[in-house]
Amino acid sequence: MDATLLDRNQLAERWCVSVRTVDRARQDGRLPWIDLARGRGARPCVRFRLDDVERYEAECRIGSGLNKS
């Protein structure tokens, strides 16, 4: 398992989308995330595991038909 973590900005840059789009994917439950603050403080410290991101990307390619051989 790859322990690499991405923050919201890094993921938005990877996908060439806005941070708000990343937030929607997280809030809709489509993308697993980690709260590094663990409930301390007013706002979560949102991070995404690279493994989860890559799995989500693969599922999206398969679902859209882009991964056909």
PDB file of N, CA and C in Angstrom:
ATOM      1  N   MET A   1       0.842  -1.182   0.000  1.00  0.00           N
ATOM      2  CA  MET A   1       0.000   0.000   0.000  1.00  0.00           C
ATOM      3  C   MET A   1       0.883   1.241   0.000  1.00  0.00           C
ATOM      4  N   ASP A   2       0.607   2.152  -0.901  1.00  0.00           N
ATOM      5  CA  ASP A   2       1.356   3.398  -1.005  1.00  0.00           C
ATOM      6  C   ASP A   2       0.846   4.375   0.045  1.00  0.00           C
ATOM      7  N   ALA A   3       1.742   4.905   0.874  1.00  0.00           N
ATOM      8  CA  ALA A   3       1.355   5.816   1.943  1.00  0.00           C
ATOM      9  C   ALA A   3       1.361   7.278   1.486  1.00  0.00           C
ATOM     10  N   THR A   4       1.532   7.527   0.193  1.00  0.00           N
ATOM     11  CA  THR A   4       1.553   8.889  -0.311  1.00  0.00           C
ATOM     12  C   THR A   4       0.183   9.530  -0.128  1.00  0.00           C
ATOM     13  N   LEU A   5       0.188  10.750   0.419  1.00  0.00           N
ATOM     14  CA  LEU A   5      -1.044  11.497   0.633  1.00  0.00           C
ATOM     15  C   LEU A   5      -1.048  12.756  -0.230  1.00  0.00           C
ATOM     16  N   LEU A   6      -2.209  13.096  -0.752  1.00  0.00           N
ATOM     17  CA  LEU A   6      -2.381  14.314  -1.535  1.00  0.00           C
ATOM     18  C   LEU A   6      -3.344  15.237  -0.803  1.00  0.00           C
ATOM     19  N   ASP A   7      -3.078  16.539  -0.842  1.00  0.00           N
ATOM     20  CA  ASP A   7      -4.048  17.471  -0.290  1.00  0.00           C
ATOM     21  C   ASP A   7      -5.033  17.888  -1.393  1.00  0.00           C
ATOM     22  N   ARG A   8      -6.005  18.703  -1.048  1.00  0.00           N
ATOM     23  CA  ARG A   8      -7.044  19.094  -2.003  1.00  0.00           C
ATOM     24  C   ARG A   8      -6.458  19.804  -3.210  1.00  0.00           C
ATOM     25  N   ASN A   9      -5.499  20.672  -2.995  1.00  0.00           N
ATOM     26  CA  ASN A   9      -4.890  21.421  -4.099  1.00  0.00           C
ATOM     27  C   ASN A   9      -4.099  20.514  -5.036  1.00  0.00           C
ATOM     28  N   GLN A  10      -3.357  19.588  -4.469  1.00  0.00           N
ATOM     29  CA  GLN A  10      -2.581  18.654  -5.292  1.00  0.00           C
ATOM     30  C   GLN A  10      -3.494  17.781  -6.143  1.00  0.00           C
ATOM     31  N   LEU A  11      -4.595  17.324  -5.552  1.00  0.00           N
ATOM     32  CA  LEU A  11      -5.523  16.486  -6.295  1.00  0.00           C
ATOM     33  C   LEU A  11      -6.223  17.293  -7.394  1.00  0.00           C
ATOM     34  N   ALA A  12      -6.596  18.523  -7.096  1.00  0.00           N
ATOM     35  CA  ALA A  12      -7.223  19.381  -8.106  1.00  0.00           C
ATOM     36  C   ALA A  12      -6.265  19.616  -9.273  1.00  0.00           C
ATOM     37  N   GLU A  13      -4.995  19.820  -8.972  1.00  0.00           N
ATOM     38  CA  GLU A  13      -3.996  20.011 -10.024  1.00  0.00           C
ATOM     39  C   GLU A  13      -3.820  18.732 -10.846  1.00  0.00           C
ATOM     40  N   ARG A  14      -3.805  17.595 -10.187  1.00  0.00           N
ATOM     41  CA  ARG A  14      -3.657  16.310 -10.876  1.00  0.00           C
ATOM     42  C   ARG A  14      -4.806  16.093 -11.857  1.00  0.00           C
ATOM     43  N   TRP A  15      -6.015  16.454 -11.439  1.00  0.00           N
ATOM     44  CA  TRP A  15      -7.205  16.255 -12.266  1.00  0.00           C
ATOM     45  C   TRP A  15      -7.514  17.431 -13.190  1.00  0.00           C
ATOM     46  N   CYS A  16      -6.772  18.532 -13.054  1.00  0.00           N
ATOM     47  CA  CYS A  16      -7.038  19.750 -13.846  1.00  0.00           C
ATOM     48  C   CYS A  16      -8.466  20.243 -13.612  1.00  0.00           C
ATOM     49  N   VAL A  17      -8.854  20.297 -12.349  1.00  0.00           N
ATOM     50  CA  VAL A  17     -10.172  20.786 -11.956  1.00  0.00           C
ATOM     51  C   VAL A  17     -10.000  21.759 -10.793  1.00  0.00           C
ATOM     52  N   SER A  18     -11.095  22.369 -10.375  1.00  0.00           N
ATOM     53  CA  SER A  18     -11.048  23.266  -9.228  1.00  0.00           C
ATOM     54  C   SER A  18     -11.040  22.469  -7.926  1.00  0.00           C
ATOM     55  N   VAL A  19     -10.604  23.111  -6.870  1.00  0.00           N
ATOM     56  CA  VAL A  19     -10.622  22.491  -5.542  1.00  0.00           C
ATOM     57  C   VAL A  19     -12.065  22.181  -5.157  1.00  0.00           C
ATOM     58  N   ARG A  20     -12.991  23.020  -5.579  1.00  0.00           N
ATOM     59  CA  ARG A  20     -14.413  22.807  -5.284  1.00  0.00           C
ATOM     60  C   ARG A  20     -14.903  21.477  -5.889  1.00  0.00           C
ATOM     61  N   THR A  21     -14.430  21.135  -7.063  1.00  0.00           N
ATOM     62  CA  THR A  21     -14.809  19.858  -7.682  1.00  0.00           C
ATOM     63  C   THR A  21     -14.302  18.691  -6.845  1.00  0.00           C
ATOM     64  N   VAL A  22     -13.087  18.802  -6.343  1.00  0.00           N
ATOM     65  CA  VAL A  22     -12.529  17.768  -5.449  1.00  0.00           C
ATOM     66  C   VAL A  22     -13.373  17.681  -4.184  1.00  0.00           C
ATOM     67  N   ASP A  23     -13.747  18.831  -3.635  1.00  0.00           N
ATOM     68  CA  ASP A  23     -14.582  18.848  -2.428  1.00  0.00           C
ATOM     69  C   ASP A  23     -15.918  18.162  -2.662  1.00  0.00           C
ATOM     70  N   ARG A  24     -16.529  18.379  -3.815  1.00  0.00           N
ATOM     71  CA  ARG A  24     -17.812  17.732  -4.123  1.00  0.00           C
ATOM     72  C   ARG A  24     -17.657  16.209  -4.174  1.00  0.00           C
ATOM     73  N   ALA A  25     -16.592  15.729  -4.792  1.00  0.00           N
ATOM     74  CA  ALA A  25     -16.353  14.280  -4.858  1.00  0.00           C
ATOM     75  C   ALA A  25     -16.192  13.709  -3.454  1.00  0.00           C
ATOM     76  N   ARG A  26     -15.518  14.440  -2.604  1.00  0.00           N
ATOM     77  CA  ARG A  26     -15.323  13.995  -1.210  1.00  0.00           C
ATOM     78  C   ARG A  26     -16.642  14.033  -0.449  1.00  0.00           C
ATOM     79  N   GLN A  27     -17.361  15.138  -0.532  1.00  0.00           N
ATOM     80  CA  GLN A  27     -18.598  15.302   0.223  1.00  0.00           C
ATOM     81  C   GLN A  27     -19.702  14.358  -0.244  1.00  0.00           C
ATOM     82  N   ASP A  28     -19.702  14.015  -1.526  1.00  0.00           N
ATOM     83  CA  ASP A  28     -20.689  13.080  -2.070  1.00  0.00           C
ATOM     84  C   ASP A  28     -20.368  11.630  -1.719  1.00  0.00           C
ATOM     85  N   GLY A  29     -19.186  11.408  -1.121  1.00  0.00           N
ATOM     86  CA  GLY A  29     -18.797  10.058  -0.729  1.00  0.00           C
ATOM     87  C   GLY A  29     -18.200   9.232  -1.860  1.00  0.00           C
ATOM     88  N   ARG A  30     -17.896   9.879  -2.988  1.00  0.00           N
ATOM     89  CA  ARG A  30     -17.320   9.150  -4.118  1.00  0.00           C
ATOM     90  C   ARG A  30     -15.840   8.876  -3.931  1.00  0.00           C
ATOM     91  N   LEU A  31     -15.183   9.629  -3.060  1.00  0.00           N
ATOM     92  CA  LEU A  31     -13.739   9.518  -2.886  1.00  0.00           C
ATOM     93  C   LEU A  31     -13.403   9.460  -1.397  1.00  0.00           C
ATOM     94  N   PRO A  32     -12.774   8.368  -0.933  1.00  0.00           N
ATOM     95  CA  PRO A  32     -12.394   8.272   0.476  1.00  0.00           C
ATOM     96  C   PRO A  32     -11.344   9.329   0.830  1.00  0.00           C
ATOM     97  N   TRP A  33     -11.400   9.811   2.066  1.00  0.00           N
ATOM     98  CA  TRP A  33     -10.448  10.820   2.509  1.00  0.00           C
ATOM     99  C   TRP A  33     -10.102  10.599   3.968  1.00  0.00           C
ATOM    100  N   ILE A  34      -9.050  11.282   4.392  1.00  0.00           N
ATOM    101  CA  ILE A  34      -8.548  11.169   5.756  1.00  0.00           C
ATOM    102  C   ILE A  34      -8.571  12.561   6.379  1.00  0.00           C
ATOM    103  N   ASP A  35      -8.973  12.633   7.650  1.00  0.00           N
ATOM    104  CA  ASP A  35      -8.908  13.889   8.402  1.00  0.00           C
ATOM    105  C   ASP A  35      -7.695  13.805   9.329  1.00  0.00           C
ATOM    106  N   LEU A  36      -6.601  14.457   8.939  1.00  0.00           N
ATOM    107  CA  LEU A  36      -5.389  14.406   9.759  1.00  0.00           C
ATOM    108  C   LEU A  36      -5.546  15.147  11.084  1.00  0.00           C
ATOM    109  N   ALA A  37      -6.520  16.058  11.168  1.00  0.00           N
ATOM    110  CA  ALA A  37      -6.768  16.784  12.415  1.00  0.00           C
ATOM    111  C   ALA A  37      -7.542  15.915  13.405  1.00  0.00           C
ATOM    112  N   ARG A  38      -8.164  14.845  12.913  1.00  0.00           N
ATOM    113  CA  ARG A  38      -8.922  13.896  13.744  1.00  0.00           C
ATOM    114  C   ARG A  38      -9.947  14.587  14.635  1.00  0.00           C
ATOM    115  N   GLY A  39     -10.650  15.550  14.042  1.00  0.00           N
ATOM    116  CA  GLY A  39     -11.710  16.218  14.782  1.00  0.00           C
ATOM    117  C   GLY A  39     -11.252  17.355  15.673  1.00  0.00           C
ATOM    118  N   ARG A  40      -9.965  17.590  15.767  1.00  0.00           N
ATOM    119  CA  ARG A  40      -9.463  18.700  16.581  1.00  0.00           C
ATOM    120  C   ARG A  40      -9.526  19.967  15.743  1.00  0.00           C
ATOM    121  N   GLY A  41     -10.008  21.032  16.311  1.00  0.00           N
ATOM    122  CA  GLY A  41     -10.076  22.289  15.585  1.00  0.00           C
ATOM    123  C   GLY A  41     -11.381  22.430  14.815  1.00  0.00           C
ATOM    124  N   ALA A  42     -11.527  23.562  14.174  1.00  0.00           N
ATOM    125  CA  ALA A  42     -12.781  23.878  13.493  1.00  0.00           C
ATOM    126  C   ALA A  42     -12.902  23.203  12.135  1.00  0.00           C
ATOM    127  N   ARG A  43     -11.776  22.951  11.460  1.00  0.00           N
ATOM    128  CA  ARG A  43     -11.822  22.413  10.102  1.00  0.00           C
ATOM    129  C   ARG A  43     -10.976  21.151   9.991  1.00  0.00           C
ATOM    130  N   PRO A  44     -11.437  20.210   9.177  1.00  0.00           N
ATOM    131  CA  PRO A  44     -10.629  19.000   8.974  1.00  0.00           C
ATOM    132  C   PRO A  44      -9.391  19.299   8.137  1.00  0.00           C
ATOM    133  N   CYS A  45      -8.371  18.524   8.339  1.00  0.00           N
ATOM    134  CA  CYS A  45      -7.157  18.598   7.523  1.00  0.00           C
ATOM    135  C   CYS A  45      -7.266  17.459   6.509  1.00  0.00           C
ATOM    136  N   VAL A  46      -7.845  17.759   5.347  1.00  0.00           N
ATOM    137  CA  VAL A  46      -8.235  16.750   4.364  1.00  0.00           C
ATOM    138  C   VAL A  46      -7.039  16.274   3.550  1.00  0.00           C
ATOM    139  N   ARG A  47      -6.888  14.942   3.479  1.00  0.00           N
ATOM    140  CA  ARG A  47      -5.882  14.313   2.636  1.00  0.00           C
ATOM    141  C   ARG A  47      -6.497  13.104   1.954  1.00  0.00           C
ATOM    142  N   PHE A  48      -5.934  12.751   0.809  1.00  0.00           N
ATOM    143  CA  PHE A  48      -6.403  11.605   0.035  1.00  0.00           C
ATOM    144  C   PHE A  48      -5.233  10.663  -0.180  1.00  0.00           C
ATOM    145  N   ARG A  49      -5.452   9.360   0.029  1.00  0.00           N
ATOM    146  CA  ARG A  49      -4.411   8.360  -0.247  1.00  0.00           C
ATOM    147  C   ARG A  49      -4.276   8.210  -1.760  1.00  0.00           C
ATOM    148  N   LEU A  50      -3.046   8.197  -2.235  1.00  0.00           N
ATOM    149  CA  LEU A  50      -2.801   8.042  -3.668  1.00  0.00           C
ATOM    150  C   LEU A  50      -3.416   6.749  -4.186  1.00  0.00           C
ATOM    151  N   ASP A  51      -3.345   5.669  -3.412  1.00  0.00           N
ATOM    152  CA  ASP A  51      -3.948   4.396  -3.816  1.00  0.00           C
ATOM    153  C   ASP A  51      -5.450   4.548  -4.067  1.00  0.00           C
ATOM    154  N   ASP A  52      -6.139   5.266  -3.171  1.00  0.00           N
ATOM    155  CA  ASP A  52      -7.580   5.485  -3.325  1.00  0.00           C
ATOM    156  C   ASP A  52      -7.878   6.334  -4.556  1.00  0.00           C
ATOM    157  N   VAL A  53      -7.049   7.355  -4.776  1.00  0.00           N
ATOM    158  CA  VAL A  53      -7.230   8.228  -5.941  1.00  0.00           C
ATOM    159  C   VAL A  53      -7.065   7.433  -7.228  1.00  0.00           C
ATOM    160  N   GLU A  54      -6.022   6.621  -7.295  1.00  0.00           N
ATOM    161  CA  GLU A  54      -5.781   5.830  -8.506  1.00  0.00           C
ATOM    162  C   GLU A  54      -6.892   4.809  -8.737  1.00  0.00           C
ATOM    163  N   ARG A  55      -7.414   4.218  -7.669  1.00  0.00           N
ATOM    164  CA  ARG A  55      -8.527   3.272  -7.795  1.00  0.00           C
ATOM    165  C   ARG A  55      -9.771   3.995  -8.324  1.00  0.00           C
ATOM    166  N   TYR A  56     -10.051   5.173  -7.791  1.00  0.00           N
ATOM    167  CA  TYR A  56     -11.189   5.980  -8.240  1.00  0.00           C
ATOM    168  C   TYR A  56     -11.029   6.359  -9.717  1.00  0.00           C
ATOM    169  N   GLU A  57      -9.836   6.766 -10.097  1.00  0.00           N
ATOM    170  CA  GLU A  57      -9.579   7.126 -11.499  1.00  0.00           C
ATOM    171  C   GLU A  57      -9.811   5.930 -12.425  1.00  0.00           C
ATOM    172  N   ALA A  58      -9.348   4.754 -12.008  1.00  0.00           N
ATOM    173  CA  ALA A  58      -9.535   3.547 -12.823  1.00  0.00           C
ATOM    174  C   ALA A  58     -11.015   3.206 -12.957  1.00  0.00           C
ATOM    175  N   GLU A  59     -11.765   3.317 -11.870  1.00  0.00           N
ATOM    176  CA  GLU A  59     -13.201   3.044 -11.911  1.00  0.00           C
ATOM    177  C   GLU A  59     -13.919   4.021 -12.837  1.00  0.00           C
ATOM    178  N   CYS A  60     -13.507   5.270 -12.816  1.00  0.00           N
ATOM    179  CA  CYS A  60     -14.130   6.272 -13.689  1.00  0.00           C
ATOM    180  C   CYS A  60     -13.830   5.969 -15.152  1.00  0.00           C
ATOM    181  N   ARG A  61     -12.615   5.525 -15.456  1.00  0.00           N
ATOM    182  CA  ARG A  61     -12.262   5.174 -16.843  1.00  0.00           C
ATOM    183  C   ARG A  61     -13.076   3.987 -17.315  1.00  0.00           C
ATOM    184  N   ILE A  62     -13.214   2.981 -16.458  1.00  0.00           N
ATOM    185  CA  ILE A  62     -13.988   1.786 -16.815  1.00  0.00           C
ATOM    186  C   ILE A  62     -15.449   2.155 -17.005  1.00  0.00           C
ATOM    187  N   GLY A  63     -15.989   2.953 -16.097  1.00  0.00           N
ATOM    188  CA  GLY A  63     -17.396   3.345 -16.170  1.00  0.00           C
ATOM    189  C   GLY A  63     -17.724   4.196 -17.367  1.00  0.00           C
ATOM    190  N   SER A  64     -16.747   4.962 -17.866  1.00  0.00           N
ATOM    191  CA  SER A  64     -17.001   5.834 -19.008  1.00  0.00           C
ATOM    192  C   SER A  64     -16.672   5.154 -20.339  1.00  0.00           C
ATOM    193  N   GLY A  65     -16.093   3.945 -20.255  1.00  0.00           N
ATOM    194  CA  GLY A  65     -15.753   3.236 -21.480  1.00  0.00           C
ATOM    195  C   GLY A  65     -14.417   3.643 -22.059  1.00  0.00           C
ATOM    196  N   LEU A  66     -13.654   4.445 -21.353  1.00  0.00           N
ATOM    197  CA  LEU A  66     -12.368   4.907 -21.872  1.00  0.00           C
ATOM    198  C   LEU A  66     -11.284   3.856 -21.744  1.00  0.00           C
ATOM    199  N   ASN A  67     -11.511   2.807 -20.984  1.00  0.00           N
ATOM    200  CA  ASN A  67     -10.482   1.812 -20.714  1.00  0.00           C
ATOM    201  C   ASN A  67     -10.695   0.546 -21.550  1.00  0.00           C
ATOM    202  N   LYS A  68     -11.398   0.641 -22.645  1.00  0.00           N
ATOM    203  CA  LYS A  68     -11.666  -0.536 -23.483  1.00  0.00           C
ATOM    204  C   LYS A  68     -10.458  -0.909 -24.289  1.00  0.00           C
ATOM    205  N   SER A  69     -10.190  -2.211 -24.391  1.00  0.00           N
ATOM    206  CA  SER A  69      -9.052  -2.705 -25.172  1.00  0.00           C
ATOM    207  C   SER A  69      -9.505  -3.163 -26.527  1.00  0.00           C
TER     208      SER A  69
END
